Amino acid sequence: MKRKIAYLTLTVALALTPLAFTTGCAVTQCRETAGAYAKDKKIQAKLRTALYKDPVVKGTQVEVNSLNGVVQLSGFVDAAEAKDRAGQIASSTKGVVQVYNNIVLPTGR
């Protein structure tokens, strides 16, 4: 009896595993095509590289997400100039349609 329960549990777990790994992907949810997904990854890579190279923005403090050319910047920076510069870099990156600059500045300084 214990063996049957173990086999049943294992079978259910294996059947649900692909579902768990594909539910978060925008391509499988039909929010973007595979080509758009590849373009978004390219935009993210270009933008991250530009942020790392910039002397004002610390690229390690900014997270970049992209969906269909719409870029969201998030994270924490030390100064308003860094936030503004990150937004400028993002908007000047080829392929970016819109930028949401959700970078947070420290309070109480």
Protein backbone atom coordinates (compact mmCIF):
# COMPACT_ATOMS: atom_id res chain seq x y z
CA MET A 1 0.00 0.00 0.00
CA LYS A 2 2.82 2.40 0.88
CA ARG A 3 4.51 1.63 -2.42
CA LYS A 4 1.37 2.48 -4.40
CA ILE A 5 1.07 5.83 -2.62
CA ALA A 6 4.73 6.56 -3.27
CA TYR A 7 4.36 5.70 -6.99
CA LEU A 8 1.22 7.82 -7.24
CA THR A 9 2.92 10.78 -5.55
CA LEU A 10 5.96 10.46 -7.82
CA THR A 11 3.78 10.23 -10.94
CA VAL A 12 1.79 13.34 -10.00
CA ALA A 13 4.97 15.28 -9.20
CA LEU A 14 6.56 14.35 -12.52
CA ALA A 15 3.39 15.23 -14.41
CA LEU A 16 3.19 18.70 -12.84
CA THR A 17 6.88 19.60 -13.20
CA PRO A 18 6.67 20.94 -16.80
CA LEU A 19 3.68 23.04 -15.84
CA ALA A 20 5.57 24.62 -12.96
CA PHE A 21 8.55 25.57 -15.13
CA THR A 22 6.62 27.09 -18.05
CA THR A 23 3.94 29.17 -16.35
CA GLY A 24 6.18 32.19 -15.73
CA CYS A 25 7.55 32.60 -19.25
CA ALA A 26 6.01 35.36 -21.35
CA VAL A 27 6.41 33.31 -24.54
CA THR A 28 4.37 30.39 -23.20
CA GLN A 29 1.70 32.79 -21.94
CA CYS A 30 1.42 34.33 -25.46
CA ARG A 31 2.40 37.80 -24.21
CA GLU A 32 5.31 37.96 -26.65
CA THR A 33 6.70 35.96 -29.52
CA ALA A 34 9.98 34.08 -29.46
CA GLY A 35 11.52 36.72 -31.72
CA ALA A 36 10.40 39.53 -29.42
CA TYR A 37 11.78 37.57 -26.45
CA ALA A 38 15.17 37.38 -28.15
CA LYS A 39 15.07 41.13 -28.93
CA ASP A 40 14.20 41.88 -25.30
CA LYS A 41 17.16 39.83 -24.10
CA LYS A 42 19.40 41.74 -26.52
CA ILE A 43 18.04 45.07 -25.24
CA GLN A 44 18.65 43.99 -21.65
CA ALA A 45 22.23 42.97 -22.42
CA LYS A 46 22.99 46.25 -24.23
CA LEU A 47 21.44 48.30 -21.46
CA ARG A 48 23.24 46.45 -18.66
CA THR A 49 26.55 46.89 -20.47
CA ALA A 50 25.93 50.62 -20.92
CA LEU A 51 24.98 50.98 -17.24
CA TYR A 52 28.15 49.17 -16.13
CA LYS A 53 30.32 51.41 -18.33
CA ASP A 54 28.72 54.65 -17.17
CA PRO A 55 30.70 56.45 -14.43
CA VAL A 56 27.60 58.04 -12.85
CA VAL A 57 25.42 54.93 -12.59
CA LYS A 58 26.56 51.87 -10.70
CA GLY A 59 25.31 49.09 -12.94
CA THR A 60 25.26 46.59 -10.09
CA GLN A 61 22.57 48.63 -8.33
CA VAL A 62 20.10 48.71 -11.25
CA GLU A 63 17.97 45.80 -12.42
CA VAL A 64 16.70 45.80 -16.00
CA ASN A 65 13.55 44.02 -17.21
CA SER A 66 12.10 44.21 -20.70
CA LEU A 67 8.88 43.03 -22.37
CA ASN A 68 8.09 43.89 -26.00
CA GLY A 69 10.57 46.77 -25.95
CA VAL A 70 9.17 48.31 -22.77
CA VAL A 71 11.95 48.56 -20.19
CA GLN A 72 11.58 48.73 -16.43
CA LEU A 73 14.49 49.93 -14.33
CA SER A 74 14.46 49.12 -10.63
CA GLY A 75 16.86 49.09 -7.73
CA PHE A 76 18.50 51.63 -5.45
CA VAL A 77 21.00 54.36 -6.37
CA ASP A 78 22.85 56.94 -4.28
CA ALA A 79 21.89 60.14 -6.11
CA ALA A 80 19.17 61.64 -8.30
CA GLU A 81 21.76 62.16 -11.07
CA ALA A 82 22.33 58.40 -11.24
CA LYS A 83 18.59 57.75 -11.53
CA ASP A 84 18.19 60.35 -14.28
CA ARG A 85 21.26 59.09 -16.14
CA ALA A 86 19.99 55.49 -16.04
CA GLY A 87 16.71 56.67 -17.57
CA GLN A 88 18.58 58.57 -20.29
CA ILE A 89 20.71 55.56 -21.13
CA ALA A 90 17.65 53.32 -21.29
CA SER A 91 15.66 55.66 -23.53
CA SER A 92 18.59 56.07 -25.92
CA THR A 93 19.12 52.31 -26.28
CA LYS A 94 18.08 50.99 -29.70
CA GLY A 95 14.84 48.99 -29.61
CA VAL A 96 13.45 50.55 -26.43
CA VAL A 97 9.87 51.75 -26.89
CA GLN A 98 9.13 53.03 -23.38
CA VAL A 99 11.00 53.31 -20.07
CA TYR A 100 9.60 52.97 -16.57
CA ASN A 101 12.22 54.34 -14.21
CA ASN A 102 11.32 52.78 -10.84
CA ILE A 103 14.74 53.33 -9.31
CA VAL A 104 14.54 54.37 -5.66
CA LEU A 105 16.65 57.02 -3.97
CA PRO A 106 17.64 56.80 -0.31
CA THR A 107 15.57 58.86 2.10
CA GLY A 108 16.71 60.77 5.15
CA ARG A 109 19.95 62.14 3.70
